[in-house]
Amino acid sequence: MQPGQSQNLLVTLLPFAVLMVVFYFMLIRPQQTQKKKRETMLSGLRKGNRVVTIGGIHGEIVEIKDDALIVNVADQGERIIMRFSKWAVQDTVGKENQQSS
């Protein structure tokens, strides 16, 4: 291999390396951060938390069983109980549900 060829190889591979670094910081890293935040939220669910499911159903957790939640979806004293998988929870709602730092 001649000295000019190794420099040519470096010039050829440098854009690909830069592209991989950009992909990591713009796509992979934020996705990992978002996944970690979601796992923390799901592991922090407690009885009494108000949640919103992926389907848009709002309710209050009545009971937690393994990876299922029993949720009261009615307001104003009524009781309509539904069972959801934990992964179906999109977010928690209200100040009492916020994690303390």
PDB file of N, CA and C in Angstrom:
ATOM      1  N   MET A   1       0.848  -1.177   0.000  1.00  0.00           N
ATOM      2  CA  MET A   1       0.000   0.000   0.000  1.00  0.00           C
ATOM      3  C   MET A   1       0.896   1.243   0.000  1.00  0.00           C
ATOM      4  N   GLN A   2       0.582   2.166  -0.821  1.00  0.00           N
ATOM      5  CA  GLN A   2       1.371   3.384  -0.918  1.00  0.00           C
ATOM      6  C   GLN A   2       0.808   4.434   0.031  1.00  0.00           C
ATOM      7  N   PRO A   3       1.632   5.422   0.446  1.00  0.00           N
ATOM      8  CA  PRO A   3       1.175   6.446   1.382  1.00  0.00           C
ATOM      9  C   PRO A   3      -0.057   7.197   0.896  1.00  0.00           C
ATOM     10  N   GLY A   4      -0.193   7.423  -0.362  1.00  0.00           N
ATOM     11  CA  GLY A   4      -1.349   8.139  -0.896  1.00  0.00           C
ATOM     12  C   GLY A   4      -2.637   7.340  -0.756  1.00  0.00           C
ATOM     13  N   GLN A   5      -2.541   6.017  -0.809  1.00  0.00           N
ATOM     14  CA  GLN A   5      -3.718   5.171  -0.712  1.00  0.00           C
ATOM     15  C   GLN A   5      -4.294   5.166   0.707  1.00  0.00           C
ATOM     16  N   SER A   6      -3.432   5.185   1.723  1.00  0.00           N
ATOM     17  CA  SER A   6      -3.943   5.193   3.106  1.00  0.00           C
ATOM     18  C   SER A   6      -4.636   6.522   3.413  1.00  0.00           C
ATOM     19  N   GLN A   7      -4.123   7.594   2.878  1.00  0.00           N
ATOM     20  CA  GLN A   7      -4.769   8.889   3.075  1.00  0.00           C
ATOM     21  C   GLN A   7      -6.107   8.911   2.334  1.00  0.00           C
ATOM     22  N   ASN A   8      -6.151   8.325   1.165  1.00  0.00           N
ATOM     23  CA  ASN A   8      -7.372   8.259   0.389  1.00  0.00           C
ATOM     24  C   ASN A   8      -8.431   7.422   1.129  1.00  0.00           C
ATOM     25  N   LEU A   9      -8.010   6.343   1.754  1.00  0.00           N
ATOM     26  CA  LEU A   9      -8.915   5.502   2.535  1.00  0.00           C
ATOM     27  C   LEU A   9      -9.481   6.280   3.716  1.00  0.00           C
ATOM     28  N   LEU A  10      -8.663   7.055   4.388  1.00  0.00           N
ATOM     29  CA  LEU A  10      -9.101   7.880   5.517  1.00  0.00           C
ATOM     30  C   LEU A  10     -10.127   8.911   5.067  1.00  0.00           C
ATOM     31  N   VAL A  11      -9.880   9.556   3.954  1.00  0.00           N
ATOM     32  CA  VAL A  11     -10.801  10.552   3.412  1.00  0.00           C
ATOM     33  C   VAL A  11     -12.118   9.886   3.022  1.00  0.00           C
ATOM     34  N   THR A  12     -12.077   8.667   2.564  1.00  0.00           N
ATOM     35  CA  THR A  12     -13.282   7.940   2.180  1.00  0.00           C
ATOM     36  C   THR A  12     -14.107   7.534   3.406  1.00  0.00           C
ATOM     37  N   LEU A  13     -13.454   7.091   4.457  1.00  0.00           N
ATOM     38  CA  LEU A  13     -14.162   6.589   5.634  1.00  0.00           C
ATOM     39  C   LEU A  13     -14.575   7.684   6.622  1.00  0.00           C
ATOM     40  N   LEU A  14     -13.951   8.830   6.588  1.00  0.00           N
ATOM     41  CA  LEU A  14     -14.243   9.912   7.526  1.00  0.00           C
ATOM     42  C   LEU A  14     -15.702  10.372   7.472  1.00  0.00           C
ATOM     43  N   PRO A  15     -16.303  10.581   6.300  1.00  0.00           N
ATOM     44  CA  PRO A  15     -17.716  10.986   6.282  1.00  0.00           C
ATOM     45  C   PRO A  15     -18.649   9.942   6.924  1.00  0.00           C
ATOM     46  N   PHE A  16     -18.353   8.668   6.729  1.00  0.00           N
ATOM     47  CA  PHE A  16     -19.170   7.617   7.344  1.00  0.00           C
ATOM     48  C   PHE A  16     -19.050   7.639   8.866  1.00  0.00           C
ATOM     49  N   ALA A  17     -17.843   7.872   9.363  1.00  0.00           N
ATOM     50  CA  ALA A  17     -17.638   7.954  10.807  1.00  0.00           C
ATOM     51  C   ALA A  17     -18.385   9.156  11.389  1.00  0.00           C
ATOM     52  N   VAL A  18     -18.310  10.278  10.709  1.00  0.00           N
ATOM     53  CA  VAL A  18     -19.016  11.483  11.163  1.00  0.00           C
ATOM     54  C   VAL A  18     -20.522  11.239  11.141  1.00  0.00           C
ATOM     55  N   LEU A  19     -21.014  10.586  10.115  1.00  0.00           N
ATOM     56  CA  LEU A  19     -22.430  10.269  10.006  1.00  0.00           C
ATOM     57  C   LEU A  19     -22.885   9.361  11.149  1.00  0.00           C
ATOM     58  N   MET A  20     -22.089   8.379  11.512  1.00  0.00           N
ATOM     59  CA  MET A  20     -22.425   7.480  12.622  1.00  0.00           C
ATOM     60  C   MET A  20     -22.490   8.249  13.939  1.00  0.00           C
ATOM     61  N   VAL A  21     -21.573   9.164  14.157  1.00  0.00           N
ATOM     62  CA  VAL A  21     -21.583   9.978  15.377  1.00  0.00           C
ATOM     63  C   VAL A  21     -22.830  10.847  15.420  1.00  0.00           C
ATOM     64  N   VAL A  22     -23.187  11.453  14.300  1.00  0.00           N
ATOM     65  CA  VAL A  22     -24.394  12.282  14.236  1.00  0.00           C
ATOM     66  C   VAL A  22     -25.634  11.440  14.513  1.00  0.00           C
ATOM     67  N   PHE A  23     -25.733  10.249  13.905  1.00  0.00           N
ATOM     68  CA  PHE A  23     -26.860   9.363  14.160  1.00  0.00           C
ATOM     69  C   PHE A  23     -26.954   9.006  15.640  1.00  0.00           C
ATOM     70  N   TYR A  24     -25.821   8.736  16.258  1.00  0.00           N
ATOM     71  CA  TYR A  24     -25.830   8.377  17.673  1.00  0.00           C
ATOM     72  C   TYR A  24     -26.410   9.508  18.512  1.00  0.00           C
ATOM     73  N   PHE A  25     -25.936  10.723  18.318  1.00  0.00           N
ATOM     74  CA  PHE A  25     -26.368  11.833  19.162  1.00  0.00           C
ATOM     75  C   PHE A  25     -27.757  12.360  18.811  1.00  0.00           C
ATOM     76  N   MET A  26     -28.212  12.151  17.588  1.00  0.00           N
ATOM     77  CA  MET A  26     -29.533  12.666  17.206  1.00  0.00           C
ATOM     78  C   MET A  26     -30.638  11.622  17.296  1.00  0.00           C
ATOM     79  N   LEU A  27     -30.319  10.347  17.195  1.00  0.00           N
ATOM     80  CA  LEU A  27     -31.352   9.317  17.184  1.00  0.00           C
ATOM     81  C   LEU A  27     -31.231   8.315  18.325  1.00  0.00           C
ATOM     82  N   ILE A  28     -30.104   7.678  18.455  1.00  0.00           N
ATOM     83  CA  ILE A  28     -29.962   6.572  19.400  1.00  0.00           C
ATOM     84  C   ILE A  28     -29.955   7.054  20.838  1.00  0.00           C
ATOM     85  N   ARG A  29     -29.159   8.041  21.163  1.00  0.00           N
ATOM     86  CA  ARG A  29     -29.047   8.515  22.541  1.00  0.00           C
ATOM     87  C   ARG A  29     -30.362   9.085  23.079  1.00  0.00           C
ATOM     88  N   PRO A  30     -31.069   9.953  22.345  1.00  0.00           N
ATOM     89  CA  PRO A  30     -32.355  10.441  22.854  1.00  0.00           C
ATOM     90  C   PRO A  30     -33.372   9.314  23.047  1.00  0.00           C
ATOM     91  N   GLN A  31     -33.350   8.313  22.180  1.00  0.00           N
ATOM     92  CA  GLN A  31     -34.271   7.196  22.314  1.00  0.00           C
ATOM     93  C   GLN A  31     -33.954   6.394  23.574  1.00  0.00           C
ATOM     94  N   GLN A  32     -32.688   6.177  23.878  1.00  0.00           N
ATOM     95  CA  GLN A  32     -32.300   5.475  25.098  1.00  0.00           C
ATOM     96  C   GLN A  32     -32.718   6.267  26.331  1.00  0.00           C
ATOM     97  N   THR A  33     -32.551   7.587  26.288  1.00  0.00           N
ATOM     98  CA  THR A  33     -32.948   8.445  27.407  1.00  0.00           C
ATOM     99  C   THR A  33     -34.454   8.383  27.618  1.00  0.00           C
ATOM    100  N   GLN A  34     -35.212   8.434  26.526  1.00  0.00           N
ATOM    101  CA  GLN A  34     -36.672   8.363  26.613  1.00  0.00           C
ATOM    102  C   GLN A  34     -37.119   7.001  27.155  1.00  0.00           C
ATOM    103  N   LYS A  35     -36.478   5.931  26.732  1.00  0.00           N
ATOM    104  CA  LYS A  35     -36.817   4.591  27.218  1.00  0.00           C
ATOM    105  C   LYS A  35     -36.540   4.478  28.715  1.00  0.00           C
ATOM    106  N   LYS A  36     -35.422   5.010  29.178  1.00  0.00           N
ATOM    107  CA  LYS A  36     -35.078   4.964  30.597  1.00  0.00           C
ATOM    108  C   LYS A  36     -36.094   5.764  31.418  1.00  0.00           C
ATOM    109  N   LYS A  37     -36.507   6.934  30.912  1.00  0.00           N
ATOM    110  CA  LYS A  37     -37.495   7.761  31.604  1.00  0.00           C
ATOM    111  C   LYS A  37     -38.824   7.028  31.704  1.00  0.00           C
ATOM    112  N   ARG A  38     -39.240   6.348  30.630  1.00  0.00           N
ATOM    113  CA  ARG A  38     -40.497   5.595  30.641  1.00  0.00           C
ATOM    114  C   ARG A  38     -40.438   4.432  31.625  1.00  0.00           C
ATOM    115  N   GLU A  39     -39.324   3.703  31.640  1.00  0.00           N
ATOM    116  CA  GLU A  39     -39.167   2.588  32.578  1.00  0.00           C
ATOM    117  C   GLU A  39     -39.226   3.088  34.011  1.00  0.00           C
ATOM    118  N   THR A  40     -38.629   4.243  34.296  1.00  0.00           N
ATOM    119  CA  THR A  40     -38.678   4.829  35.635  1.00  0.00           C
ATOM    120  C   THR A  40     -40.107   5.196  36.001  1.00  0.00           C
ATOM    121  N   MET A  41     -40.843   5.781  35.046  1.00  0.00           N
ATOM    122  CA  MET A  41     -42.234   6.156  35.296  1.00  0.00           C
ATOM    123  C   MET A  41     -43.080   4.920  35.576  1.00  0.00           C
ATOM    124  N   LEU A  42     -42.902   3.863  34.787  1.00  0.00           N
ATOM    125  CA  LEU A  42     -43.700   2.648  34.977  1.00  0.00           C
ATOM    126  C   LEU A  42     -43.369   1.948  36.287  1.00  0.00           C
ATOM    127  N   SER A  43     -42.113   1.944  36.678  1.00  0.00           N
ATOM    128  CA  SER A  43     -41.745   1.296  37.935  1.00  0.00           C
ATOM    129  C   SER A  43     -42.177   2.131  39.140  1.00  0.00           C
ATOM    130  N   GLY A  44     -42.439   3.415  38.931  1.00  0.00           N
ATOM    131  CA  GLY A  44     -42.846   4.293  40.021  1.00  0.00           C
ATOM    132  C   GLY A  44     -44.357   4.410  40.196  1.00  0.00           C
ATOM    133  N   LEU A  45     -45.127   3.657  39.417  1.00  0.00           N
ATOM    134  CA  LEU A  45     -46.586   3.729  39.549  1.00  0.00           C
ATOM    135  C   LEU A  45     -47.019   3.187  40.902  1.00  0.00           C
ATOM    136  N   ARG A  46     -47.944   3.900  41.536  1.00  0.00           N
ATOM    137  CA  ARG A  46     -48.447   3.517  42.858  1.00  0.00           C
ATOM    138  C   ARG A  46     -49.968   3.610  42.881  1.00  0.00           C
ATOM    139  N   LYS A  47     -50.558   2.941  43.837  1.00  0.00           N
ATOM    140  CA  LYS A  47     -52.000   3.013  44.041  1.00  0.00           C
ATOM    141  C   LYS A  47     -52.380   4.472  44.291  1.00  0.00           C
ATOM    142  N   GLY A  48     -53.428   4.943  43.617  1.00  0.00           N
ATOM    143  CA  GLY A  48     -53.871   6.324  43.765  1.00  0.00           C
ATOM    144  C   GLY A  48     -53.354   7.258  42.695  1.00  0.00           C
ATOM    145  N   ASN A  49     -52.327   6.837  41.932  1.00  0.00           N
ATOM    146  CA  ASN A  49     -51.836   7.668  40.827  1.00  0.00           C
ATOM    147  C   ASN A  49     -52.906   7.786  39.753  1.00  0.00           C
ATOM    148  N   ARG A  50     -53.012   8.980  39.186  1.00  0.00           N
ATOM    149  CA  ARG A  50     -53.905   9.185  38.038  1.00  0.00           C
ATOM    150  C   ARG A  50     -53.063   8.995  36.782  1.00  0.00           C
ATOM    151  N   VAL A  51     -53.574   8.188  35.852  1.00  0.00           N
ATOM    152  CA  VAL A  51     -52.814   7.845  34.662  1.00  0.00           C
ATOM    153  C   VAL A  51     -53.645   8.078  33.405  1.00  0.00           C
ATOM    154  N   VAL A  52     -52.935   8.167  32.276  1.00  0.00           N
ATOM    155  CA  VAL A  52     -53.552   8.223  30.956  1.00  0.00           C
ATOM    156  C   VAL A  52     -52.964   7.060  30.172  1.00  0.00           C
ATOM    157  N   THR A  53     -53.828   6.262  29.552  1.00  0.00           N
ATOM    158  CA  THR A  53     -53.351   5.131  28.760  1.00  0.00           C
ATOM    159  C   THR A  53     -52.989   5.581  27.351  1.00  0.00           C
ATOM    160  N   ILE A  54     -52.369   4.704  26.614  1.00  0.00           N
ATOM    161  CA  ILE A  54     -52.007   4.992  25.229  1.00  0.00           C
ATOM    162  C   ILE A  54     -53.256   5.276  24.406  1.00  0.00           C
ATOM    163  N   GLY A  55     -54.368   4.654  24.774  1.00  0.00           N
ATOM    164  CA  GLY A  55     -55.624   4.871  24.073  1.00  0.00           C
ATOM    165  C   GLY A  55     -56.362   6.121  24.496  1.00  0.00           C
ATOM    166  N   GLY A  56     -55.827   6.851  25.469  1.00  0.00           N
ATOM    167  CA  GLY A  56     -56.432   8.106  25.899  1.00  0.00           C
ATOM    168  C   GLY A  56     -57.418   7.976  27.042  1.00  0.00           C
ATOM    169  N   ILE A  57     -57.474   6.819  27.688  1.00  0.00           N
ATOM    170  CA  ILE A  57     -58.390   6.623  28.812  1.00  0.00           C
ATOM    171  C   ILE A  57     -57.726   7.142  30.080  1.00  0.00           C
ATOM    172  N   HIS A  58     -58.442   8.003  30.814  1.00  0.00           N
ATOM    173  CA  HIS A  58     -57.952   8.563  32.062  1.00  0.00           C
ATOM    174  C   HIS A  58     -58.541   7.772  33.220  1.00  0.00           C
ATOM    175  N   GLY A  59     -57.752   7.561  34.261  1.00  0.00           N
ATOM    176  CA  GLY A  59     -58.270   6.862  35.423  1.00  0.00           C
ATOM    177  C   GLY A  59     -57.305   6.909  36.584  1.00  0.00           C
ATOM    178  N   GLU A  60     -57.746   6.318  37.698  1.00  0.00           N
ATOM    179  CA  GLU A  60     -56.941   6.275  38.925  1.00  0.00           C
ATOM    180  C   GLU A  60     -56.631   4.824  39.248  1.00  0.00           C
ATOM    181  N   ILE A  61     -55.367   4.551  39.552  1.00  0.00           N
ATOM    182  CA  ILE A  61     -54.952   3.187  39.863  1.00  0.00           C
ATOM    183  C   ILE A  61     -55.576   2.758  41.188  1.00  0.00           C
ATOM    184  N   VAL A  62     -56.279   1.622  41.156  1.00  0.00           N
ATOM    185  CA  VAL A  62     -56.897   1.062  42.342  1.00  0.00           C
ATOM    186  C   VAL A  62     -56.016  -0.039  42.924  1.00  0.00           C
ATOM    187  N   GLU A  63     -55.375  -0.795  42.031  1.00  0.00           N
ATOM    188  CA  GLU A  63     -54.557  -1.920  42.472  1.00  0.00           C
ATOM    189  C   GLU A  63     -53.515  -2.222  41.400  1.00  0.00           C
ATOM    190  N   ILE A  64     -52.359  -2.735  41.839  1.00  0.00           N
ATOM    191  CA  ILE A  64     -51.300  -3.127  40.912  1.00  0.00           C
ATOM    192  C   ILE A  64     -51.031  -4.608  41.116  1.00  0.00           C
ATOM    193  N   LYS A  65     -51.115  -5.380  40.026  1.00  0.00           N
ATOM    194  CA  LYS A  65     -50.849  -6.823  40.067  1.00  0.00           C
ATOM    195  C   LYS A  65     -49.796  -7.134  39.014  1.00  0.00           C
ATOM    196  N   ASP A  66     -48.626  -7.579  39.444  1.00  0.00           N
ATOM    197  CA  ASP A  66     -47.515  -7.926  38.554  1.00  0.00           C
ATOM    198  C   ASP A  66     -47.332  -6.863  37.471  1.00  0.00           C
ATOM    199  N   ASP A  67     -47.650  -7.175  36.217  1.00  0.00           N
ATOM    200  CA  ASP A  67     -47.525  -6.144  35.186  1.00  0.00           C
ATOM    201  C   ASP A  67     -48.891  -5.737  34.639  1.00  0.00           C
ATOM    202  N   ALA A  68     -49.894  -5.760  35.518  1.00  0.00           N
ATOM    203  CA  ALA A  68     -51.237  -5.292  35.168  1.00  0.00           C
ATOM    204  C   ALA A  68     -51.692  -4.262  36.198  1.00  0.00           C
ATOM    205  N   LEU A  69     -52.541  -3.347  35.755  1.00  0.00           N
ATOM    206  CA  LEU A  69     -53.090  -2.323  36.638  1.00  0.00           C
ATOM    207  C   LEU A  69     -54.604  -2.434  36.643  1.00  0.00           C
ATOM    208  N   ILE A  70     -55.201  -2.303  37.814  1.00  0.00           N
ATOM    209  CA  ILE A  70     -56.646  -2.204  37.940  1.00  0.00           C
ATOM    210  C   ILE A  70     -56.931  -0.713  38.102  1.00  0.00           C
ATOM    211  N   VAL A  71     -57.705  -0.144  37.169  1.00  0.00           N
ATOM    212  CA  VAL A  71     -57.893   1.303  37.103  1.00  0.00           C
ATOM    213  C   VAL A  71     -59.380   1.635  37.156  1.00  0.00           C
ATOM    214  N   ASN A  72     -59.729   2.616  38.008  1.00  0.00           N
ATOM    215  CA  ASN A  72     -61.089   3.161  38.045  1.00  0.00           C
ATOM    216  C   ASN A  72     -61.134   4.291  37.024  1.00  0.00           C
ATOM    217  N   VAL A  73     -61.988   4.136  36.004  1.00  0.00           N
ATOM    218  CA  VAL A  73     -62.021   5.121  34.925  1.00  0.00           C
ATOM    219  C   VAL A  73     -63.195   6.082  35.045  1.00  0.00           C
ATOM    220  N   ALA A  74     -63.997   5.978  36.093  1.00  0.00           N
ATOM    221  CA  ALA A  74     -65.157   6.856  36.263  1.00  0.00           C
ATOM    222  C   ALA A  74     -64.811   7.989  37.220  1.00  0.00           C
ATOM    223  N   ASP A  75     -65.511   9.109  37.074  1.00  0.00           N
ATOM    224  CA  ASP A  75     -65.339  10.252  37.967  1.00  0.00           C
ATOM    225  C   ASP A  75     -66.556  10.381  38.871  1.00  0.00           C
ATOM    226  N   GLN A  76     -66.473  11.272  39.814  1.00  0.00           N
ATOM    227  CA  GLN A  76     -67.572  11.672  40.686  1.00  0.00           C
ATOM    228  C   GLN A  76     -68.182  10.508  41.466  1.00  0.00           C
ATOM    229  N   GLY A  77     -67.337   9.692  42.071  1.00  0.00           N
ATOM    230  CA  GLY A  77     -67.802   8.666  42.986  1.00  0.00           C
ATOM    231  C   GLY A  77     -68.262   7.370  42.355  1.00  0.00           C
ATOM    232  N   GLU A  78     -68.419   7.316  41.053  1.00  0.00           N
ATOM    233  CA  GLU A  78     -68.804   6.069  40.406  1.00  0.00           C
ATOM    234  C   GLU A  78     -67.598   5.144  40.353  1.00  0.00           C
ATOM    235  N   ARG A  79     -67.858   3.849  40.148  1.00  0.00           N
ATOM    236  CA  ARG A  79     -66.754   2.895  40.031  1.00  0.00           C
ATOM    237  C   ARG A  79     -66.928   2.094  38.745  1.00  0.00           C
ATOM    238  N   ILE A  80     -66.097   2.371  37.782  1.00  0.00           N
ATOM    239  CA  ILE A  80     -66.002   1.558  36.575  1.00  0.00           C
ATOM    240  C   ILE A  80     -64.560   1.090  36.524  1.00  0.00           C
ATOM    241  N   ILE A  81     -64.365  -0.186  36.789  1.00  0.00           N
ATOM    242  CA  ILE A  81     -63.025  -0.750  36.922  1.00  0.00           C
ATOM    243  C   ILE A  81     -62.611  -1.412  35.606  1.00  0.00           C
ATOM    244  N   MET A  82     -61.394  -1.104  35.172  1.00  0.00           N
ATOM    245  CA  MET A  82     -60.828  -1.728  33.973  1.00  0.00           C
ATOM    246  C   MET A  82     -59.433  -2.224  34.307  1.00  0.00           C
ATOM    247  N   ARG A  83     -59.014  -3.250  33.587  1.00  0.00           N
ATOM    248  CA  ARG A  83     -57.678  -3.806  33.792  1.00  0.00           C
ATOM    249  C   ARG A  83     -56.826  -3.493  32.557  1.00  0.00           C
ATOM    250  N   PHE A  84     -55.629  -2.957  32.796  1.00  0.00           N
ATOM    251  CA  PHE A  84     -54.699  -2.610  31.725  1.00  0.00           C
ATOM    252  C   PHE A  84     -53.341  -3.222  32.009  1.00  0.00           C
ATOM    253  N   SER A  85     -52.595  -3.491  30.960  1.00  0.00           N
ATOM    254  CA  SER A  85     -51.191  -3.860  31.108  1.00  0.00           C
ATOM    255  C   SER A  85     -50.413  -2.601  31.467  1.00  0.00           C
ATOM    256  N   LYS A  86     -49.345  -2.751  32.232  1.00  0.00           N
ATOM    257  CA  LYS A  86     -48.539  -1.578  32.609  1.00  0.00           C
ATOM    258  C   LYS A  86     -48.022  -0.840  31.385  1.00  0.00           C
ATOM    259  N   TRP A  87     -47.642  -1.572  30.343  1.00  0.00           N
ATOM    260  CA  TRP A  87     -47.071  -0.925  29.159  1.00  0.00           C
ATOM    261  C   TRP A  87     -48.079  -0.025  28.464  1.00  0.00           C
ATOM    262  N   ALA A  88     -49.385  -0.174  28.789  1.00  0.00           N
ATOM    263  CA  ALA A  88     -50.412   0.652  28.148  1.00  0.00           C
ATOM    264  C   ALA A  88     -50.493   2.047  28.760  1.00  0.00           C
ATOM    265  N   VAL A  89     -49.789   2.296  29.862  1.00  0.00           N
ATOM    266  CA  VAL A  89     -49.809   3.618  30.484  1.00  0.00           C
ATOM    267  C   VAL A  89     -48.877   4.533  29.718  1.00  0.00           C
ATOM    268  N   GLN A  90     -49.427   5.656  29.284  1.00  0.00           N
ATOM    269  CA  GLN A  90     -48.627   6.630  28.554  1.00  0.00           C
ATOM    270  C   GLN A  90     -47.975   7.622  29.497  1.00  0.00           C
ATOM    271  N   ASP A  91     -48.747   8.089  30.507  1.00  0.00           N
ATOM    272  CA  ASP A  91     -48.225   9.130  31.387  1.00  0.00           C
ATOM    273  C   ASP A  91     -49.032   9.173  32.671  1.00  0.00           C
ATOM    274  N   THR A  92     -48.470   9.821  33.679  1.00  0.00           N
ATOM    275  CA  THR A  92     -49.203  10.103  34.907  1.00  0.00           C
ATOM    276  C   THR A  92     -49.670  11.546  34.844  1.00  0.00           C
ATOM    277  N   VAL A  93     -50.739  11.847  35.595  1.00  0.00           N
ATOM    278  CA  VAL A  93     -51.354  13.171  35.533  1.00  0.00           C
ATOM    279  C   VAL A  93     -51.440  13.732  36.944  1.00  0.00           C
ATOM    280  N   GLY A  94     -51.164  15.022  37.090  1.00  0.00           N
ATOM    281  CA  GLY A  94     -51.354  15.711  38.373  1.00  0.00           C
ATOM    282  C   GLY A  94     -50.071  15.846  39.171  1.00  0.00           C
ATOM    283  N   LYS A  95     -50.072  16.823  40.060  1.00  0.00           N
ATOM    284  CA  LYS A  95     -48.890  17.140  40.877  1.00  0.00           C
ATOM    285  C   LYS A  95     -48.540  16.013  41.836  1.00  0.00           C
ATOM    286  N   GLU A  96     -49.533  15.314  42.366  1.00  0.00           N
ATOM    287  CA  GLU A  96     -49.261  14.269  43.348  1.00  0.00           C
ATOM    288  C   GLU A  96     -48.532  13.080  42.716  1.00  0.00           C
ATOM    289  N   ASN A  97     -48.502  13.010  41.393  1.00  0.00           N
ATOM    290  CA  ASN A  97     -47.865  11.899  40.697  1.00  0.00           C
ATOM    291  C   ASN A  97     -46.424  12.203  40.286  1.00  0.00           C
ATOM    292  N   GLN A  98     -45.981  13.427  40.472  1.00  0.00           N
ATOM    293  CA  GLN A  98     -44.641  13.785  40.037  1.00  0.00           C
ATOM    294  C   GLN A  98     -43.611  13.180  40.965  1.00  0.00           C
ATOM    295  N   GLN A  99     -42.528  12.674  40.378  1.00  0.00           N
ATOM    296  CA  GLN A  99     -41.424  12.099  41.143  1.00  0.00           C
ATOM    297  C   GLN A  99     -40.676  13.239  41.847  1.00  0.00           C
ATOM    298  N   SER A 100     -40.366  13.054  43.111  1.00  0.00           N
ATOM    299  CA  SER A 100     -39.591  14.077  43.815  1.00  0.00           C
ATOM    300  C   SER A 100     -38.119  13.891  43.482  1.00  0.00           C
ATOM    301  N   SER A 101     -37.435  15.005  43.243  1.00  0.00           N
ATOM    302  CA  SER A 101     -36.019  14.942  42.836  1.00  0.00           C
ATOM    303  C   SER A 101     -35.101  14.772  44.010  1.00  0.00           C
TER     304      SER A 101
END
